[in-house]
Amino acid sequence: MQPGAEQEKIQAQTIHKFWPQLRRLLVFQLKLYIDAFRDLLLSALSLGAFLIDVVLQNTGPDCYFERILKFGRRTERSINLFNQFQPDQQGAASVDTILNEVEERFRSR
């Protein structure tokens, strides 16, 4: 075997060995960005919802602020930042599901 080919084989083995950890890091970083964007959005929406509820004197479980909280809980499950939810708890449009589908498409090419 040629020296260059041996080195390429070692590099490929090293990448293959560390890929699961690297993938977890990349997925976590992406989820952090998604979560940060979601937090900024929820912050603005919650302020607006609160103001509308005050003006309209809405209270109870169907007020706009409570709807924002419910939306936040759903997105928390969908993002699953710390992998605390099982796939059946996340819903069909979870970040994990989307990333798995994208990865499968790349692998199938």
PDB file of N, CA and C in Angstrom:
ATOM      1  N   MET A   1       0.852  -1.173   0.000  1.00  0.00           N
ATOM      2  CA  MET A   1       0.000   0.000   0.000  1.00  0.00           C
ATOM      3  C   MET A   1       0.900   1.238   0.000  1.00  0.00           C
ATOM      4  N   GLN A   2       0.500   2.254  -0.702  1.00  0.00           N
ATOM      5  CA  GLN A   2       1.291   3.474  -0.803  1.00  0.00           C
ATOM      6  C   GLN A   2       1.140   4.294   0.477  1.00  0.00           C
ATOM      7  N   PRO A   3       2.188   5.078   0.817  1.00  0.00           N
ATOM      8  CA  PRO A   3       2.132   5.868   2.051  1.00  0.00           C
ATOM      9  C   PRO A   3       0.947   6.843   2.072  1.00  0.00           C
ATOM     10  N   GLY A   4       0.605   7.475   0.968  1.00  0.00           N
ATOM     11  CA  GLY A   4      -0.526   8.401   0.914  1.00  0.00           C
ATOM     12  C   GLY A   4      -1.843   7.701   1.137  1.00  0.00           C
ATOM     13  N   ALA A   5      -1.981   6.514   0.570  1.00  0.00           N
ATOM     14  CA  ALA A   5      -3.219   5.751   0.720  1.00  0.00           C
ATOM     15  C   ALA A   5      -3.402   5.296   2.164  1.00  0.00           C
ATOM     16  N   GLU A   6      -2.319   4.919   2.820  1.00  0.00           N
ATOM     17  CA  GLU A   6      -2.378   4.496   4.227  1.00  0.00           C
ATOM     18  C   GLU A   6      -2.804   5.667   5.113  1.00  0.00           C
ATOM     19  N   GLN A   7      -2.269   6.834   4.832  1.00  0.00           N
ATOM     20  CA  GLN A   7      -2.615   8.022   5.611  1.00  0.00           C
ATOM     21  C   GLN A   7      -4.094   8.388   5.407  1.00  0.00           C
ATOM     22  N   GLU A   8      -4.577   8.282   4.177  1.00  0.00           N
ATOM     23  CA  GLU A   8      -5.985   8.561   3.904  1.00  0.00           C
ATOM     24  C   GLU A   8      -6.892   7.575   4.635  1.00  0.00           C
ATOM     25  N   LYS A   9      -6.458   6.313   4.689  1.00  0.00           N
ATOM     26  CA  LYS A   9      -7.242   5.293   5.382  1.00  0.00           C
ATOM     27  C   LYS A   9      -7.315   5.602   6.876  1.00  0.00           C
ATOM     28  N   ILE A  10      -6.214   6.029   7.462  1.00  0.00           N
ATOM     29  CA  ILE A  10      -6.182   6.377   8.886  1.00  0.00           C
ATOM     30  C   ILE A  10      -7.075   7.587   9.150  1.00  0.00           C
ATOM     31  N   GLN A  11      -7.020   8.591   8.261  1.00  0.00           N
ATOM     32  CA  GLN A  11      -7.872   9.769   8.425  1.00  0.00           C
ATOM     33  C   GLN A  11      -9.350   9.393   8.333  1.00  0.00           C
ATOM     34  N   ALA A  12      -9.690   8.532   7.394  1.00  0.00           N
ATOM     35  CA  ALA A  12     -11.081   8.104   7.247  1.00  0.00           C
ATOM     36  C   ALA A  12     -11.549   7.348   8.488  1.00  0.00           C
ATOM     37  N   GLN A  13     -10.688   6.514   9.047  1.00  0.00           N
ATOM     38  CA  GLN A  13     -11.040   5.771  10.256  1.00  0.00           C
ATOM     39  C   GLN A  13     -11.227   6.716  11.442  1.00  0.00           C
ATOM     40  N   THR A  14     -10.380   7.722  11.522  1.00  0.00           N
ATOM     41  CA  THR A  14     -10.480   8.696  12.608  1.00  0.00           C
ATOM     42  C   THR A  14     -11.780   9.477  12.509  1.00  0.00           C
ATOM     43  N   ILE A  15     -12.119   9.934  11.307  1.00  0.00           N
ATOM     44  CA  ILE A  15     -13.372  10.666  11.097  1.00  0.00           C
ATOM     45  C   ILE A  15     -14.560   9.775  11.442  1.00  0.00           C
ATOM     46  N   HIS A  16     -14.511   8.521  10.973  1.00  0.00           N
ATOM     47  CA  HIS A  16     -15.604   7.579  11.248  1.00  0.00           C
ATOM     48  C   HIS A  16     -15.749   7.344  12.757  1.00  0.00           C
ATOM     49  N   LYS A  17     -14.637   7.286  13.461  1.00  0.00           N
ATOM     50  CA  LYS A  17     -14.649   7.034  14.904  1.00  0.00           C
ATOM     51  C   LYS A  17     -15.275   8.200  15.671  1.00  0.00           C
ATOM     52  N   PHE A  18     -14.963   9.428  15.274  1.00  0.00           N
ATOM     53  CA  PHE A  18     -15.433  10.597  16.011  1.00  0.00           C
ATOM     54  C   PHE A  18     -16.709  11.214  15.437  1.00  0.00           C
ATOM     55  N   TRP A  19     -17.223  10.671  14.331  1.00  0.00           N
ATOM     56  CA  TRP A  19     -18.417  11.249  13.721  1.00  0.00           C
ATOM     57  C   TRP A  19     -19.609  11.320  14.676  1.00  0.00           C
ATOM     58  N   PRO A  20     -19.928  10.282  15.442  1.00  0.00           N
ATOM     59  CA  PRO A  20     -21.097  10.395  16.333  1.00  0.00           C
ATOM     60  C   PRO A  20     -20.989  11.572  17.314  1.00  0.00           C
ATOM     61  N   GLN A  21     -19.803  11.773  17.877  1.00  0.00           N
ATOM     62  CA  GLN A  21     -19.616  12.889  18.804  1.00  0.00           C
ATOM     63  C   GLN A  21     -19.691  14.227  18.073  1.00  0.00           C
ATOM     64  N   LEU A  22     -19.072  14.305  16.901  1.00  0.00           N
ATOM     65  CA  LEU A  22     -19.102  15.535  16.118  1.00  0.00           C
ATOM     66  C   LEU A  22     -20.535  15.857  15.701  1.00  0.00           C
ATOM     67  N   ARG A  23     -21.288  14.849  15.297  1.00  0.00           N
ATOM     68  CA  ARG A  23     -22.685  15.049  14.908  1.00  0.00           C
ATOM     69  C   ARG A  23     -23.498  15.587  16.071  1.00  0.00           C
ATOM     70  N   ARG A  24     -23.301  15.009  17.258  1.00  0.00           N
ATOM     71  CA  ARG A  24     -24.017  15.486  18.448  1.00  0.00           C
ATOM     72  C   ARG A  24     -23.695  16.948  18.737  1.00  0.00           C
ATOM     73  N   LEU A  25     -22.426  17.313  18.588  1.00  0.00           N
ATOM     74  CA  LEU A  25     -22.021  18.703  18.804  1.00  0.00           C
ATOM     75  C   LEU A  25     -22.695  19.629  17.795  1.00  0.00           C
ATOM     76  N   LEU A  26     -22.662  19.251  16.528  1.00  0.00           N
ATOM     77  CA  LEU A  26     -23.259  20.083  15.485  1.00  0.00           C
ATOM     78  C   LEU A  26     -24.768  20.225  15.666  1.00  0.00           C
ATOM     79  N   VAL A  27     -25.435  19.143  16.007  1.00  0.00           N
ATOM     80  CA  VAL A  27     -26.883  19.182  16.235  1.00  0.00           C
ATOM     81  C   VAL A  27     -27.193  20.065  17.441  1.00  0.00           C
ATOM     82  N   PHE A  28     -26.408  19.934  18.508  1.00  0.00           N
ATOM     83  CA  PHE A  28     -26.621  20.757  19.697  1.00  0.00           C
ATOM     84  C   PHE A  28     -26.438  22.234  19.378  1.00  0.00           C
ATOM     85  N   GLN A  29     -25.402  22.569  18.621  1.00  0.00           N
ATOM     86  CA  GLN A  29     -25.166  23.966  18.246  1.00  0.00           C
ATOM     87  C   GLN A  29     -26.327  24.514  17.423  1.00  0.00           C
ATOM     88  N   LEU A  30     -26.800  23.734  16.471  1.00  0.00           N
ATOM     89  CA  LEU A  30     -27.937  24.165  15.655  1.00  0.00           C
ATOM     90  C   LEU A  30     -29.181  24.377  16.520  1.00  0.00           C
ATOM     91  N   LYS A  31     -29.433  23.450  17.439  1.00  0.00           N
ATOM     92  CA  LYS A  31     -30.576  23.578  18.327  1.00  0.00           C
ATOM     93  C   LYS A  31     -30.450  24.806  19.233  1.00  0.00           C
ATOM     94  N   LEU A  32     -29.222  25.125  19.655  1.00  0.00           N
ATOM     95  CA  LEU A  32     -29.021  26.328  20.462  1.00  0.00           C
ATOM     96  C   LEU A  32     -29.429  27.585  19.693  1.00  0.00           C
ATOM     97  N   TYR A  33     -29.042  27.652  18.415  1.00  0.00           N
ATOM     98  CA  TYR A  33     -29.420  28.797  17.593  1.00  0.00           C
ATOM     99  C   TYR A  33     -30.941  28.868  17.392  1.00  0.00           C
ATOM    100  N   ILE A  34     -31.546  27.737  17.145  1.00  0.00           N
ATOM    101  CA  ILE A  34     -33.000  27.701  16.970  1.00  0.00           C
ATOM    102  C   ILE A  34     -33.692  28.129  18.263  1.00  0.00           C
ATOM    103  N   ASP A  35     -33.199  27.621  19.383  1.00  0.00           N
ATOM    104  CA  ASP A  35     -33.783  27.949  20.686  1.00  0.00           C
ATOM    105  C   ASP A  35     -33.622  29.445  20.999  1.00  0.00           C
ATOM    106  N   ALA A  36     -32.479  30.001  20.671  1.00  0.00           N
ATOM    107  CA  ALA A  36     -32.250  31.433  20.912  1.00  0.00           C
ATOM    108  C   ALA A  36     -33.208  32.281  20.074  1.00  0.00           C
ATOM    109  N   PHE A  37     -33.374  31.921  18.812  1.00  0.00           N
ATOM    110  CA  PHE A  37     -34.319  32.644  17.955  1.00  0.00           C
ATOM    111  C   PHE A  37     -35.736  32.519  18.506  1.00  0.00           C
ATOM    112  N   ARG A  38     -36.090  31.325  18.935  1.00  0.00           N
ATOM    113  CA  ARG A  38     -37.420  31.097  19.503  1.00  0.00           C
ATOM    114  C   ARG A  38     -37.625  31.951  20.749  1.00  0.00           C
ATOM    115  N   ASP A  39     -36.604  32.050  21.598  1.00  0.00           N
ATOM    116  CA  ASP A  39     -36.713  32.854  22.812  1.00  0.00           C
ATOM    117  C   ASP A  39     -36.937  34.327  22.495  1.00  0.00           C
ATOM    118  N   LEU A  40     -36.214  34.845  21.512  1.00  0.00           N
ATOM    119  CA  LEU A  40     -36.409  36.243  21.113  1.00  0.00           C
ATOM    120  C   LEU A  40     -37.828  36.461  20.579  1.00  0.00           C
ATOM    121  N   LEU A  41     -38.290  35.535  19.764  1.00  0.00           N
ATOM    122  CA  LEU A  41     -39.639  35.629  19.218  1.00  0.00           C
ATOM    123  C   LEU A  41     -40.691  35.556  20.327  1.00  0.00           C
ATOM    124  N   LEU A  42     -40.534  34.604  21.244  1.00  0.00           N
ATOM    125  CA  LEU A  42     -41.490  34.460  22.343  1.00  0.00           C
ATOM    126  C   LEU A  42     -41.493  35.681  23.258  1.00  0.00           C
ATOM    127  N   SER A  43     -40.341  36.286  23.437  1.00  0.00           N
ATOM    128  CA  SER A  43     -40.268  37.482  24.265  1.00  0.00           C
ATOM    129  C   SER A  43     -41.142  38.592  23.697  1.00  0.00           C
ATOM    130  N   ALA A  44     -40.996  38.845  22.410  1.00  0.00           N
ATOM    131  CA  ALA A  44     -41.799  39.891  21.766  1.00  0.00           C
ATOM    132  C   ALA A  44     -43.283  39.512  21.752  1.00  0.00           C
ATOM    133  N   LEU A  45     -43.579  38.266  21.407  1.00  0.00           N
ATOM    134  CA  LEU A  45     -44.975  37.827  21.353  1.00  0.00           C
ATOM    135  C   LEU A  45     -45.647  37.889  22.723  1.00  0.00           C
ATOM    136  N   SER A  46     -44.919  37.515  23.760  1.00  0.00           N
ATOM    137  CA  SER A  46     -45.519  37.515  25.096  1.00  0.00           C
ATOM    138  C   SER A  46     -45.832  38.937  25.560  1.00  0.00           C
ATOM    139  N   LEU A  47     -44.965  39.878  25.251  1.00  0.00           N
ATOM    140  CA  LEU A  47     -45.247  41.273  25.606  1.00  0.00           C
ATOM    141  C   LEU A  47     -46.498  41.773  24.877  1.00  0.00           C
ATOM    142  N   GLY A  48     -46.564  41.484  23.588  1.00  0.00           N
ATOM    143  CA  GLY A  48     -47.729  41.887  22.812  1.00  0.00           C
ATOM    144  C   GLY A  48     -48.996  41.229  23.304  1.00  0.00           C
ATOM    145  N   ALA A  49     -48.917  39.934  23.592  1.00  0.00           N
ATOM    146  CA  ALA A  49     -50.096  39.204  24.070  1.00  0.00           C
ATOM    147  C   ALA A  49     -50.566  39.751  25.411  1.00  0.00           C
ATOM    148  N   PHE A  50     -49.632  40.050  26.275  1.00  0.00           N
ATOM    149  CA  PHE A  50     -49.997  40.607  27.577  1.00  0.00           C
ATOM    150  C   PHE A  50     -50.710  41.946  27.417  1.00  0.00           C
ATOM    151  N   LEU A  51     -50.160  42.801  26.574  1.00  0.00           N
ATOM    152  CA  LEU A  51     -50.778  44.111  26.362  1.00  0.00           C
ATOM    153  C   LEU A  51     -52.187  43.991  25.776  1.00  0.00           C
ATOM    154  N   ILE A  52     -52.347  43.100  24.822  1.00  0.00           N
ATOM    155  CA  ILE A  52     -53.680  42.881  24.240  1.00  0.00           C
ATOM    156  C   ILE A  52     -54.642  42.352  25.298  1.00  0.00           C
ATOM    157  N   ASP A  53     -54.167  41.409  26.126  1.00  0.00           N
ATOM    158  CA  ASP A  53     -55.014  40.870  27.193  1.00  0.00           C
ATOM    159  C   ASP A  53     -55.428  41.959  28.187  1.00  0.00           C
ATOM    160  N   VAL A  54     -54.509  42.863  28.503  1.00  0.00           N
ATOM    161  CA  VAL A  54     -54.836  43.949  29.432  1.00  0.00           C
ATOM    162  C   VAL A  54     -55.889  44.872  28.820  1.00  0.00           C
ATOM    163  N   VAL A  55     -55.677  45.255  27.560  1.00  0.00           N
ATOM    164  CA  VAL A  55     -56.622  46.158  26.898  1.00  0.00           C
ATOM    165  C   VAL A  55     -57.995  45.515  26.769  1.00  0.00           C
ATOM    166  N   LEU A  56     -58.034  44.246  26.365  1.00  0.00           N
ATOM    167  CA  LEU A  56     -59.308  43.549  26.174  1.00  0.00           C
ATOM    168  C   LEU A  56     -59.841  42.908  27.448  1.00  0.00           C
ATOM    169  N   GLN A  57     -59.075  43.001  28.533  1.00  0.00           N
ATOM    170  CA  GLN A  57     -59.418  42.410  29.822  1.00  0.00           C
ATOM    171  C   GLN A  57     -59.640  40.898  29.712  1.00  0.00           C
ATOM    172  N   ASN A  58     -58.776  40.252  28.934  1.00  0.00           N
ATOM    173  CA  ASN A  58     -58.824  38.796  28.792  1.00  0.00           C
ATOM    174  C   ASN A  58     -58.125  38.139  29.979  1.00  0.00           C
ATOM    175  N   THR A  59     -58.711  37.109  30.515  1.00  0.00           N
ATOM    176  CA  THR A  59     -58.086  36.312  31.575  1.00  0.00           C
ATOM    177  C   THR A  59     -58.449  34.849  31.347  1.00  0.00           C
ATOM    178  N   GLY A  60     -57.790  33.992  32.077  1.00  0.00           N
ATOM    179  CA  GLY A  60     -58.118  32.577  32.006  1.00  0.00           C
ATOM    180  C   GLY A  60     -57.269  31.817  31.005  1.00  0.00           C
ATOM    181  N   PRO A  61     -57.593  30.548  30.837  1.00  0.00           N
ATOM    182  CA  PRO A  61     -56.764  29.666  30.010  1.00  0.00           C
ATOM    183  C   PRO A  61     -56.781  29.991  28.513  1.00  0.00           C
ATOM    184  N   ASP A  62     -57.748  30.753  28.045  1.00  0.00           N
ATOM    185  CA  ASP A  62     -57.821  31.071  26.619  1.00  0.00           C
ATOM    186  C   ASP A  62     -57.302  32.467  26.285  1.00  0.00           C
ATOM    187  N   CYS A  63     -56.712  33.161  27.260  1.00  0.00           N
ATOM    188  CA  CYS A  63     -56.179  34.488  26.954  1.00  0.00           C
ATOM    189  C   CYS A  63     -54.937  34.338  26.073  1.00  0.00           C
ATOM    190  N   TYR A  64     -54.580  35.403  25.411  1.00  0.00           N
ATOM    191  CA  TYR A  64     -53.464  35.355  24.455  1.00  0.00           C
ATOM    192  C   TYR A  64     -52.143  34.990  25.115  1.00  0.00           C
ATOM    193  N   PHE A  65     -51.901  35.499  26.311  1.00  0.00           N
ATOM    194  CA  PHE A  65     -50.655  35.183  27.003  1.00  0.00           C
ATOM    195  C   PHE A  65     -50.542  33.687  27.283  1.00  0.00           C
ATOM    196  N   GLU A  66     -51.631  33.074  27.729  1.00  0.00           N
ATOM    197  CA  GLU A  66     -51.622  31.623  27.988  1.00  0.00           C
ATOM    198  C   GLU A  66     -51.394  30.838  26.694  1.00  0.00           C
ATOM    199  N   ARG A  67     -51.932  31.333  25.594  1.00  0.00           N
ATOM    200  CA  ARG A  67     -51.698  30.672  24.304  1.00  0.00           C
ATOM    201  C   ARG A  67     -50.225  30.724  23.920  1.00  0.00           C
ATOM    202  N   ILE A  68     -49.570  31.844  24.221  1.00  0.00           N
ATOM    203  CA  ILE A  68     -48.127  31.962  23.953  1.00  0.00           C
ATOM    204  C   ILE A  68     -47.363  30.955  24.805  1.00  0.00           C
ATOM    205  N   LEU A  69     -47.763  30.792  26.063  1.00  0.00           N
ATOM    206  CA  LEU A  69     -47.101  29.809  26.925  1.00  0.00           C
ATOM    207  C   LEU A  69     -47.266  28.391  26.380  1.00  0.00           C
ATOM    208  N   LYS A  70     -48.469  28.058  25.916  1.00  0.00           N
ATOM    209  CA  LYS A  70     -48.701  26.733  25.326  1.00  0.00           C
ATOM    210  C   LYS A  70     -47.843  26.531  24.082  1.00  0.00           C
ATOM    211  N   PHE A  71     -47.762  27.571  23.255  1.00  0.00           N
ATOM    212  CA  PHE A  71     -46.919  27.515  22.067  1.00  0.00           C
ATOM    213  C   PHE A  71     -45.460  27.291  22.464  1.00  0.00           C
ATOM    214  N   GLY A  72     -45.006  27.979  23.504  1.00  0.00           N
ATOM    215  CA  GLY A  72     -43.637  27.815  23.987  1.00  0.00           C
ATOM    216  C   GLY A  72     -43.352  26.398  24.453  1.00  0.00           C
ATOM    217  N   ARG A  73     -44.313  25.785  25.144  1.00  0.00           N
ATOM    218  CA  ARG A  73     -44.128  24.396  25.588  1.00  0.00           C
ATOM    219  C   ARG A  73     -44.042  23.435  24.405  1.00  0.00           C
ATOM    220  N   ARG A  74     -44.891  23.676  23.384  1.00  0.00           N
ATOM    221  CA  ARG A  74     -44.843  22.816  22.186  1.00  0.00           C
ATOM    222  C   ARG A  74     -43.503  22.957  21.476  1.00  0.00           C
ATOM    223  N   THR A  75     -43.019  24.181  21.334  1.00  0.00           N
ATOM    224  CA  THR A  75     -41.742  24.378  20.635  1.00  0.00           C
ATOM    225  C   THR A  75     -40.578  23.824  21.454  1.00  0.00           C
ATOM    226  N   GLU A  76     -40.715  23.834  22.771  1.00  0.00           N
ATOM    227  CA  GLU A  76     -39.672  23.245  23.628  1.00  0.00           C
ATOM    228  C   GLU A  76     -39.525  21.759  23.321  1.00  0.00           C
ATOM    229  N   ARG A  77     -40.664  21.082  23.172  1.00  0.00           N
ATOM    230  CA  ARG A  77     -40.624  19.651  22.827  1.00  0.00           C
ATOM    231  C   ARG A  77     -40.084  19.444  21.414  1.00  0.00           C
ATOM    232  N   SER A  78     -40.455  20.317  20.497  1.00  0.00           N
ATOM    233  CA  SER A  78     -40.021  20.176  19.107  1.00  0.00           C
ATOM    234  C   SER A  78     -38.518  20.394  18.950  1.00  0.00           C
ATOM    235  N   ILE A  79     -37.982  21.355  19.689  1.00  0.00           N
ATOM    236  CA  ILE A  79     -36.539  21.622  19.615  1.00  0.00           C
ATOM    237  C   ILE A  79     -35.768  20.542  20.355  1.00  0.00           C
ATOM    238  N   ASN A  80     -36.255  20.151  21.537  1.00  0.00           N
ATOM    239  CA  ASN A  80     -35.644  19.073  22.311  1.00  0.00           C
ATOM    240  C   ASN A  80     -34.143  19.318  22.519  1.00  0.00           C
ATOM    241  N   LEU A  81     -33.810  20.491  23.006  1.00  0.00           N
ATOM    242  CA  LEU A  81     -32.417  20.926  23.127  1.00  0.00           C
ATOM    243  C   LEU A  81     -31.546  19.942  23.897  1.00  0.00           C
ATOM    244  N   PHE A  82     -32.034  19.448  24.999  1.00  0.00           N
ATOM    245  CA  PHE A  82     -31.234  18.561  25.843  1.00  0.00           C
ATOM    246  C   PHE A  82     -31.654  17.096  25.734  1.00  0.00           C
ATOM    247  N   ASN A  83     -32.357  16.763  24.672  1.00  0.00           N
ATOM    248  CA  ASN A  83     -32.789  15.384  24.409  1.00  0.00           C
ATOM    249  C   ASN A  83     -33.577  14.786  25.575  1.00  0.00           C
ATOM    250  N   GLN A  84     -34.420  15.596  26.193  1.00  0.00           N
ATOM    251  CA  GLN A  84     -35.202  15.129  27.327  1.00  0.00           C
ATOM    252  C   GLN A  84     -36.529  14.501  26.913  1.00  0.00           C
ATOM    253  N   PHE A  85     -36.907  14.660  25.637  1.00  0.00           N
ATOM    254  CA  PHE A  85     -38.175  14.120  25.158  1.00  0.00           C
ATOM    255  C   PHE A  85     -37.922  12.971  24.185  1.00  0.00           C
ATOM    256  N   GLN A  86     -38.768  11.967  24.260  1.00  0.00           N
ATOM    257  CA  GLN A  86     -38.711  10.839  23.340  1.00  0.00           C
ATOM    258  C   GLN A  86     -39.325  11.262  22.002  1.00  0.00           C
ATOM    259  N   PRO A  87     -38.984  10.586  20.901  1.00  0.00           N
ATOM    260  CA  PRO A  87     -39.545  10.960  19.593  1.00  0.00           C
ATOM    261  C   PRO A  87     -41.069  11.025  19.561  1.00  0.00           C
ATOM    262  N   ASP A  88     -41.753  10.128  20.267  1.00  0.00           N
ATOM    263  CA  ASP A  88     -43.221  10.154  20.252  1.00  0.00           C
ATOM    264  C   ASP A  88     -43.800  11.346  21.017  1.00  0.00           C
ATOM    265  N   GLN A  89     -42.998  12.024  21.839  1.00  0.00           N
ATOM    266  CA  GLN A  89     -43.439  13.204  22.578  1.00  0.00           C
ATOM    267  C   GLN A  89     -43.179  14.499  21.804  1.00  0.00           C
ATOM    268  N   GLN A  90     -42.364  14.430  20.755  1.00  0.00           N
ATOM    269  CA  GLN A  90     -41.929  15.635  20.052  1.00  0.00           C
ATOM    270  C   GLN A  90     -42.883  16.089  18.962  1.00  0.00           C
ATOM    271  N   GLY A  91     -43.571  15.196  18.346  1.00  0.00           N
ATOM    272  CA  GLY A  91     -44.423  15.562  17.219  1.00  0.00           C
ATOM    273  C   GLY A  91     -43.705  15.314  15.904  1.00  0.00           C
ATOM    274  N   ALA A  92     -44.442  15.425  14.832  1.00  0.00           N
ATOM    275  CA  ALA A  92     -43.918  15.079  13.506  1.00  0.00           C
ATOM    276  C   ALA A  92     -42.922  16.103  12.970  1.00  0.00           C
ATOM    277  N   ALA A  93     -43.036  17.347  13.378  1.00  0.00           N
ATOM    278  CA  ALA A  93     -42.174  18.398  12.831  1.00  0.00           C
ATOM    279  C   ALA A  93     -41.072  18.791  13.811  1.00  0.00           C
ATOM    280  N   SER A  94     -40.495  17.830  14.500  1.00  0.00           N
ATOM    281  CA  SER A  94     -39.433  18.153  15.453  1.00  0.00           C
ATOM    282  C   SER A  94     -38.114  18.400  14.719  1.00  0.00           C
ATOM    283  N   VAL A  95     -37.226  19.104  15.376  1.00  0.00           N
ATOM    284  CA  VAL A  95     -35.902  19.371  14.803  1.00  0.00           C
ATOM    285  C   VAL A  95     -35.172  18.053  14.561  1.00  0.00           C
ATOM    286  N   ASP A  96     -35.278  17.123  15.498  1.00  0.00           N
ATOM    287  CA  ASP A  96     -34.613  15.823  15.342  1.00  0.00           C
ATOM    288  C   ASP A  96     -35.115  15.073  14.115  1.00  0.00           C
ATOM    289  N   THR A  97     -36.420  15.066  13.906  1.00  0.00           N
ATOM    290  CA  THR A  97     -37.004  14.387  12.752  1.00  0.00           C
ATOM    291  C   THR A  97     -36.518  15.015  11.447  1.00  0.00           C
ATOM    292  N   ILE A  98     -36.528  16.333  11.396  1.00  0.00           N
ATOM    293  CA  ILE A  98     -36.088  17.031  10.184  1.00  0.00           C
ATOM    294  C   ILE A  98     -34.615  16.759   9.911  1.00  0.00           C
ATOM    295  N   LEU A  99     -33.772  16.830  10.943  1.00  0.00           N
ATOM    296  CA  LEU A  99     -32.343  16.579  10.748  1.00  0.00           C
ATOM    297  C   LEU A  99     -32.078  15.132  10.322  1.00  0.00           C
ATOM    298  N   ASN A 100     -32.823  14.193  10.898  1.00  0.00           N
ATOM    299  CA  ASN A 100     -32.662  12.789  10.495  1.00  0.00           C
ATOM    300  C   ASN A 100     -33.047  12.583   9.032  1.00  0.00           C
ATOM    301  N   GLU A 101     -34.119  13.235   8.593  1.00  0.00           N
ATOM    302  CA  GLU A 101     -34.538  13.123   7.192  1.00  0.00           C
ATOM    303  C   GLU A 101     -33.492  13.727   6.254  1.00  0.00           C
ATOM    304  N   VAL A 102     -32.950  14.880   6.622  1.00  0.00           N
ATOM    305  CA  VAL A 102     -31.914  15.518   5.799  1.00  0.00           C
ATOM    306  C   VAL A 102     -30.678  14.621   5.728  1.00  0.00           C
ATOM    307  N   GLU A 103     -30.277  14.068   6.854  1.00  0.00           N
ATOM    308  CA  GLU A 103     -29.110  13.179   6.892  1.00  0.00           C
ATOM    309  C   GLU A 103     -29.338  11.941   6.034  1.00  0.00           C
ATOM    310  N   GLU A 104     -30.534  11.369   6.101  1.00  0.00           N
ATOM    311  CA  GLU A 104     -30.843  10.189   5.285  1.00  0.00           C
ATOM    312  C   GLU A 104     -30.787  10.505   3.794  1.00  0.00           C
ATOM    313  N   ARG A 105     -31.246  11.669   3.423  1.00  0.00           N
ATOM    314  CA  ARG A 105     -31.187  12.063   2.006  1.00  0.00           C
ATOM    315  C   ARG A 105     -29.753  12.200   1.518  1.00  0.00           C
ATOM    316  N   PHE A 106     -28.897  12.743   2.365  1.00  0.00           N
ATOM    317  CA  PHE A 106     -27.488  12.858   1.996  1.00  0.00           C
ATOM    318  C   PHE A 106     -26.842  11.487   1.882  1.00  0.00           C
ATOM    319  N   ARG A 107     -27.186  10.590   2.773  1.00  0.00           N
ATOM    320  CA  ARG A 107     -26.606   9.240   2.755  1.00  0.00           C
ATOM    321  C   ARG A 107     -27.080   8.438   1.544  1.00  0.00           C
ATOM    322  N   SER A 108     -28.304   8.686   1.109  1.00  0.00           N
ATOM    323  CA  SER A 108     -28.853   7.908   0.006  1.00  0.00           C
ATOM    324  C   SER A 108     -28.315   8.331  -1.351  1.00  0.00           C
ATOM    325  N   ARG A 109     -27.623   9.435  -1.401  1.00  0.00           N
ATOM    326  CA  ARG A 109     -27.064   9.895  -2.682  1.00  0.00           C
ATOM    327  C   ARG A 109     -25.805   9.205  -3.024  1.00  0.00           C
TER     328      ARG A 109
END
